[in-house]
Structure formats: structure tokens, C-alpha cells
Amino acid sequence: MKKDTLKFLEQLAANNSKEWMDANRNWYLEVKEGFLATVGELLAELSKMDPRFAILKPKECIFRQNRDIRFSANKEPYKNNMGAYFSPGGKKSSLPGYYLHLQPGECFLAGGIWMPASDVLKKIRQEIDYSGAELKEIIEAKSFKDAFGGIEGEKLKTSPRDYPSEHPYIDFLRMKSFIVTKALTDSEVLSKGLVAICIDAYGKMDRFNEFLSRAVDESDGGEGIL
């Protein structure tokens, strides 16, 4: 990771225009190359956890800097952050994955599934219906709670169809996303220990992702996590 990565993003946020980006294109390319190198290191370590990561290339894991402004009131052309998503099936897979987000003062890592398609969400709920006790045991483990606190994500205000309000795992069943996050300081992101910090956290959420993966293993489509 380039030491001025967050400085670049800070300046981009303050000068979010094509003119500024054109004038600072070389700086952007240097920062992007440093980010790709870090993503490559993360992929190498994730491959030790799951060999399926070995086929992914760093450029396949990062998100475009350009924003899609066609249907947005915000017409700023560029994202003020950089992100990478690691999933065995790629960025567009419905399988759970791991995420790294860079933004000055708001860096974090995450894992799970964000806003899955309806058919995928249905499968996750079926798995919770069958094995909710297992999911509860996973998220209540001390190492998991210490690292992430609990599962985050938007919830239904009422019970989902086909599940009674008194279901023992109704709180899980009402969820529309299944995400865990861990904040990172700017100094951690720019340190030589970033990869180790990420891999340690990703390892602690591994059982959580395995639970979700078991539910959606044969699904296609979906939105990934972030």
C-alpha cells in the first residue's frame, strides 16, 4: 500500500471532478498499483484458507473508481474510497466473501453477504430454520464477539413469509443482509501489518461465511457484500 493512499482519497473527496483526476492521473495510477499489490498479498493468504481463491487476480477483486451517476442525484464522478471484495466465485457471485474498504477516517474490513437476491435470501433463511442453533453458536463465540460484536444488516419490520413471529431464530430470519465488520484505523491501513490484521479477522469470520456458503452454494447471481 502506498503511504499516500489515504491522502490521495482525501484530496479526491475535496476535488471530485474529471479535471482534477486528469491532472492527478499519475498519482491515481501509483496509488491503484499499490492497492493492487496489497490485494495480491491478501489473495495469496486467502488461498491458504481456501484454494479457490488462487484463481482470482487482484484486478478482478477491486471496484472501479468511477461512479455510475446515471440514476443518482449525486453527480460526483468518482468514489471517495477504494474497495476490494474477495469471494471464491468472484465479485458478482452469490457466495459470501471478504471485503476491505479504504476511506480516510472510515476504513474497515467486512465479511458475509450484503443484500442477496430473493432466491438466495430464501435459501439462507431455510438454512437458519434448520440450523439456527449453529449460527447462534458461531456469533456468540468469544473470539467472534470480541472481533465483530455481532451480525449487522437491514431487517424486516415483521416476520418473513412462512415463518412465525415466535420462531426461536426470528431475529436472524428477519435479516435482509448478513454482514460482520471491523473498523480499521488509518495507521493500521498504512502499516506493514495490514495483511496480517485482515487475515486474522477473516479467519475469525470463516465459520460464519461457511454457514452462509452452505446455504447458497448452488445459487447464482446476487449482489455480494458491499
Protein backbone atom coordinates (compact mmCIF):
# COMPACT_ATOMS: atom_id res chain seq x y z
CA MET A 1 0.00 0.00 0.00
CA LYS A 2 1.37 3.42 -0.91
CA LYS A 3 1.84 5.68 2.12
CA ASP A 4 -0.09 8.47 0.41
CA THR A 5 -3.13 6.32 -0.48
CA LEU A 6 -5.43 7.91 2.07
CA LYS A 7 -4.02 11.36 1.27
CA PHE A 8 -4.99 10.79 -2.36
CA LEU A 9 -8.53 9.77 -1.36
CA GLU A 10 -8.78 12.80 0.92
CA GLN A 11 -7.79 15.10 -1.94
CA LEU A 12 -10.15 13.30 -4.33
CA ALA A 13 -13.04 13.86 -1.92
CA ALA A 14 -12.21 17.58 -1.78
CA ASN A 15 -11.73 17.90 -5.56
CA ASN A 16 -14.10 15.34 -7.04
CA SER A 17 -14.01 16.29 -10.73
CA LYS A 18 -12.73 14.93 -14.01
CA GLU A 19 -10.44 17.93 -14.33
CA TRP A 20 -8.73 17.18 -11.01
CA MET A 21 -8.46 13.46 -11.79
CA ASP A 22 -6.98 14.17 -15.22
CA ALA A 23 -4.37 16.45 -13.63
CA ASN A 24 -3.54 13.81 -10.99
CA ARG A 25 -3.82 10.70 -13.18
CA ASN A 26 -0.26 9.53 -12.44
CA TRP A 27 -0.84 9.86 -8.68
CA TYR A 28 -4.03 7.80 -9.01
CA LEU A 29 -2.26 5.10 -11.02
CA GLU A 30 0.53 4.87 -8.43
CA VAL A 31 -1.98 4.55 -5.58
CA LYS A 32 -4.02 2.00 -7.52
CA GLU A 33 -0.91 -0.07 -8.23
CA GLY A 34 -0.06 -0.11 -4.52
CA PHE A 35 -3.60 -1.18 -3.66
CA LEU A 36 -3.44 -3.97 -6.24
CA ALA A 37 -0.20 -5.20 -4.66
CA THR A 38 -1.87 -5.38 -1.24
CA VAL A 39 -4.88 -7.17 -2.76
CA GLY A 40 -2.48 -9.66 -4.32
CA GLU A 41 -0.93 -10.35 -0.91
CA LEU A 42 -4.37 -10.87 0.59
CA LEU A 43 -5.33 -13.28 -2.18
CA ALA A 44 -2.17 -15.28 -1.58
CA GLU A 45 -3.03 -15.62 2.11
CA LEU A 46 -6.72 -16.34 1.46
CA SER A 47 -5.66 -19.10 -0.93
CA LYS A 48 -4.13 -20.88 2.04
CA MET A 49 -7.56 -20.82 3.70
CA ASP A 50 -9.44 -21.80 0.55
CA PRO A 51 -7.67 -22.94 -2.68
CA ARG A 52 -10.49 -21.47 -4.77
CA PHE A 53 -9.06 -18.00 -4.19
CA ALA A 54 -5.93 -18.98 -6.11
CA ILE A 55 -7.63 -18.48 -9.49
CA LEU A 56 -8.60 -14.87 -8.76
CA LYS A 57 -6.50 -11.96 -9.97
CA PRO A 58 -6.14 -8.73 -7.97
CA LYS A 59 -7.73 -6.59 -10.69
CA GLU A 60 -10.79 -8.86 -10.59
CA CYS A 61 -11.32 -8.06 -6.91
CA ILE A 62 -11.18 -4.27 -6.84
CA PHE A 63 -14.05 -1.92 -7.67
CA ARG A 64 -13.97 0.78 -10.33
CA GLN A 65 -13.17 4.29 -9.14
CA ASN A 66 -15.81 5.78 -11.42
CA ARG A 67 -19.33 6.12 -10.04
CA ASP A 68 -22.44 5.25 -12.01
CA ILE A 69 -24.22 8.62 -11.88
CA ARG A 70 -26.97 7.89 -14.41
CA PHE A 71 -29.71 7.48 -11.81
CA SER A 72 -28.12 9.30 -8.88
CA ALA A 73 -28.74 12.80 -7.56
CA ASN A 74 -25.07 12.85 -6.58
CA LYS A 75 -23.21 13.66 -9.79
CA GLU A 76 -19.68 13.39 -8.40
CA PRO A 77 -17.87 11.23 -10.97
CA TYR A 78 -15.60 9.29 -8.59
CA LYS A 79 -15.90 7.26 -5.41
CA ASN A 80 -14.15 8.77 -2.39
CA ASN A 81 -12.99 5.33 -1.33
CA MET A 82 -11.26 2.22 -2.67
CA GLY A 83 -12.58 -1.27 -2.06
CA ALA A 84 -11.82 -4.90 -2.78
CA TYR A 85 -14.08 -7.91 -2.46
CA PHE A 86 -12.81 -11.47 -2.23
CA SER A 87 -15.22 -14.31 -3.00
CA PRO A 88 -14.44 -17.75 -4.43
CA GLY A 89 -16.99 -17.10 -7.17
CA GLY A 90 -15.82 -13.57 -7.97
CA LYS A 91 -17.33 -10.14 -7.26
CA LYS A 92 -20.71 -10.98 -8.79
CA SER A 93 -21.06 -14.33 -7.05
CA SER A 94 -23.83 -15.00 -4.55
CA LEU A 95 -21.30 -16.76 -2.33
CA PRO A 96 -20.17 -14.96 0.83
CA GLY A 97 -16.85 -13.19 0.81
CA TYR A 98 -14.44 -10.80 2.49
CA TYR A 99 -14.16 -7.05 1.96
CA LEU A 100 -11.61 -4.29 2.52
CA HIS A 101 -12.66 -0.62 2.45
CA LEU A 102 -10.24 2.33 2.33
CA GLN A 103 -11.53 5.80 3.19
CA PRO A 104 -9.82 8.38 5.39
CA GLY A 105 -11.17 8.03 8.91
CA GLU A 106 -13.67 5.37 7.83
CA CYS A 107 -11.59 2.31 6.90
CA PHE A 108 -12.95 -1.12 7.73
CA LEU A 109 -12.96 -4.77 6.77
CA ALA A 110 -16.04 -6.94 6.49
CA GLY A 111 -17.42 -10.31 5.54
CA GLY A 112 -20.65 -12.10 4.74
CA ILE A 113 -23.36 -11.32 2.19
CA TRP A 114 -24.93 -7.92 1.53
CA MET A 115 -28.49 -7.70 0.18
CA PRO A 116 -28.66 -11.13 -1.51
CA ALA A 117 -31.17 -11.74 -4.29
CA SER A 118 -34.54 -13.03 -3.14
CA ASP A 119 -33.86 -16.64 -4.12
CA VAL A 120 -30.54 -16.58 -2.28
CA LEU A 121 -32.08 -14.95 0.78
CA LYS A 122 -34.74 -17.67 0.81
CA LYS A 123 -32.03 -20.34 0.93
CA ILE A 124 -30.24 -18.58 3.78
CA ARG A 125 -33.48 -18.42 5.74
CA GLN A 126 -34.09 -22.10 5.13
CA GLU A 127 -30.63 -22.86 6.50
CA ILE A 128 -31.34 -20.70 9.56
CA ASP A 129 -34.65 -22.51 10.04
CA TYR A 130 -32.84 -25.85 10.00
CA SER A 131 -29.61 -24.85 11.75
CA GLY A 132 -30.24 -21.62 13.64
CA ALA A 133 -28.61 -23.03 16.76
CA GLU A 134 -25.36 -23.42 14.83
CA LEU A 135 -25.44 -19.81 13.62
CA LYS A 136 -26.15 -18.61 17.16
CA GLU A 137 -23.22 -20.62 18.48
CA ILE A 138 -20.94 -19.12 15.80
CA ILE A 139 -21.78 -15.50 16.52
CA GLU A 140 -21.77 -15.94 20.29
CA ALA A 141 -18.26 -17.40 20.34
CA LYS A 142 -15.99 -15.10 22.35
CA SER A 143 -13.43 -14.56 19.58
CA PHE A 144 -16.21 -13.64 17.14
CA LYS A 145 -17.97 -11.25 19.53
CA ASP A 146 -14.71 -9.61 20.56
CA ALA A 147 -13.77 -9.02 16.92
CA PHE A 148 -17.11 -8.02 15.38
CA GLY A 149 -19.75 -7.63 18.06
CA GLY A 150 -22.47 -9.34 16.05
CA ILE A 151 -24.21 -9.53 12.70
CA GLU A 152 -25.19 -6.27 11.03
CA GLY A 153 -27.68 -5.61 8.26
CA GLU A 154 -31.11 -4.24 7.45
CA LYS A 155 -34.05 -6.16 8.94
CA LEU A 156 -37.70 -6.65 8.08
CA LYS A 157 -40.07 -4.93 10.49
CA THR A 158 -42.26 -8.04 10.56
CA SER A 159 -41.69 -11.78 10.23
CA PRO A 160 -40.80 -13.05 6.75
CA ARG A 161 -43.41 -15.09 4.92
CA ASP A 162 -43.66 -18.73 6.04
CA TYR A 163 -42.01 -18.09 9.43
CA PRO A 164 -43.97 -17.43 12.64
CA SER A 165 -43.11 -14.48 14.86
CA GLU A 166 -42.38 -16.89 17.73
CA HIS A 167 -39.73 -18.78 15.76
CA PRO A 168 -36.69 -19.23 18.06
CA TYR A 169 -34.41 -17.60 15.47
CA ILE A 170 -36.80 -14.94 14.19
CA ASP A 171 -34.19 -12.19 14.70
CA PHE A 172 -31.92 -13.95 12.20
CA LEU A 173 -34.79 -14.73 9.84
CA ARG A 174 -35.81 -11.07 9.65
CA MET A 175 -32.39 -10.05 8.35
CA LYS A 176 -32.01 -8.98 4.72
CA SER A 177 -28.20 -8.81 4.87
CA PHE A 178 -25.70 -10.84 6.86
CA ILE A 179 -22.60 -8.74 7.47
CA VAL A 180 -19.87 -8.50 10.09
CA THR A 181 -17.46 -5.55 10.20
CA LYS A 182 -14.34 -4.42 12.00
CA ALA A 183 -13.13 -0.82 11.95
CA LEU A 184 -9.54 -0.12 10.95
CA THR A 185 -7.53 2.94 11.88
CA ASP A 186 -5.78 4.89 9.15
CA SER A 187 -2.43 3.94 10.68
CA GLU A 188 -3.33 0.23 10.55
CA VAL A 189 -4.25 0.53 6.88
CA LEU A 190 -0.93 2.17 6.04
CA SER A 191 1.13 -0.19 8.19
CA LYS A 192 3.12 -3.20 7.07
CA GLY A 193 0.87 -5.32 9.26
CA LEU A 194 -2.34 -4.64 7.31
CA VAL A 195 -2.41 -8.00 5.54
CA ALA A 196 -1.88 -9.87 8.81
CA ILE A 197 -4.62 -7.83 10.51
CA CYS A 198 -7.06 -8.61 7.70
CA ILE A 199 -6.26 -12.31 7.51
CA ASP A 200 -6.61 -12.67 11.27
CA ALA A 201 -10.08 -11.08 11.12
CA TYR A 202 -11.11 -13.03 8.02
CA GLY A 203 -10.12 -16.22 9.80
CA LYS A 204 -12.36 -15.34 12.74
CA MET A 205 -15.34 -14.92 10.41
CA ASP A 206 -14.56 -18.08 8.45
CA ARG A 207 -17.19 -20.27 10.16
CA PHE A 208 -19.79 -17.54 9.63
CA ASN A 209 -19.03 -17.49 5.91
CA GLU A 210 -19.02 -21.27 5.77
CA PHE A 211 -22.53 -21.31 7.22
CA LEU A 212 -23.73 -18.86 4.57
CA SER A 213 -21.86 -20.66 1.82
CA ARG A 214 -23.54 -23.94 2.70
CA ALA A 215 -26.90 -22.26 2.22
CA VAL A 216 -26.18 -20.61 -1.14
CA ASP A 217 -23.58 -22.98 -2.58
CA GLU A 218 -25.62 -23.82 -5.65
CA SER A 219 -27.01 -20.33 -6.24
CA ASP A 220 -26.04 -17.92 -8.99
CA GLY A 221 -26.42 -14.18 -9.12
CA GLY A 222 -26.76 -11.98 -6.06
CA GLU A 223 -25.06 -8.79 -5.01
CA GLY A 224 -22.05 -9.91 -2.99
CA ILE A 225 -21.39 -7.93 0.16
CA LEU A 226 -20.52 -4.27 -0.36
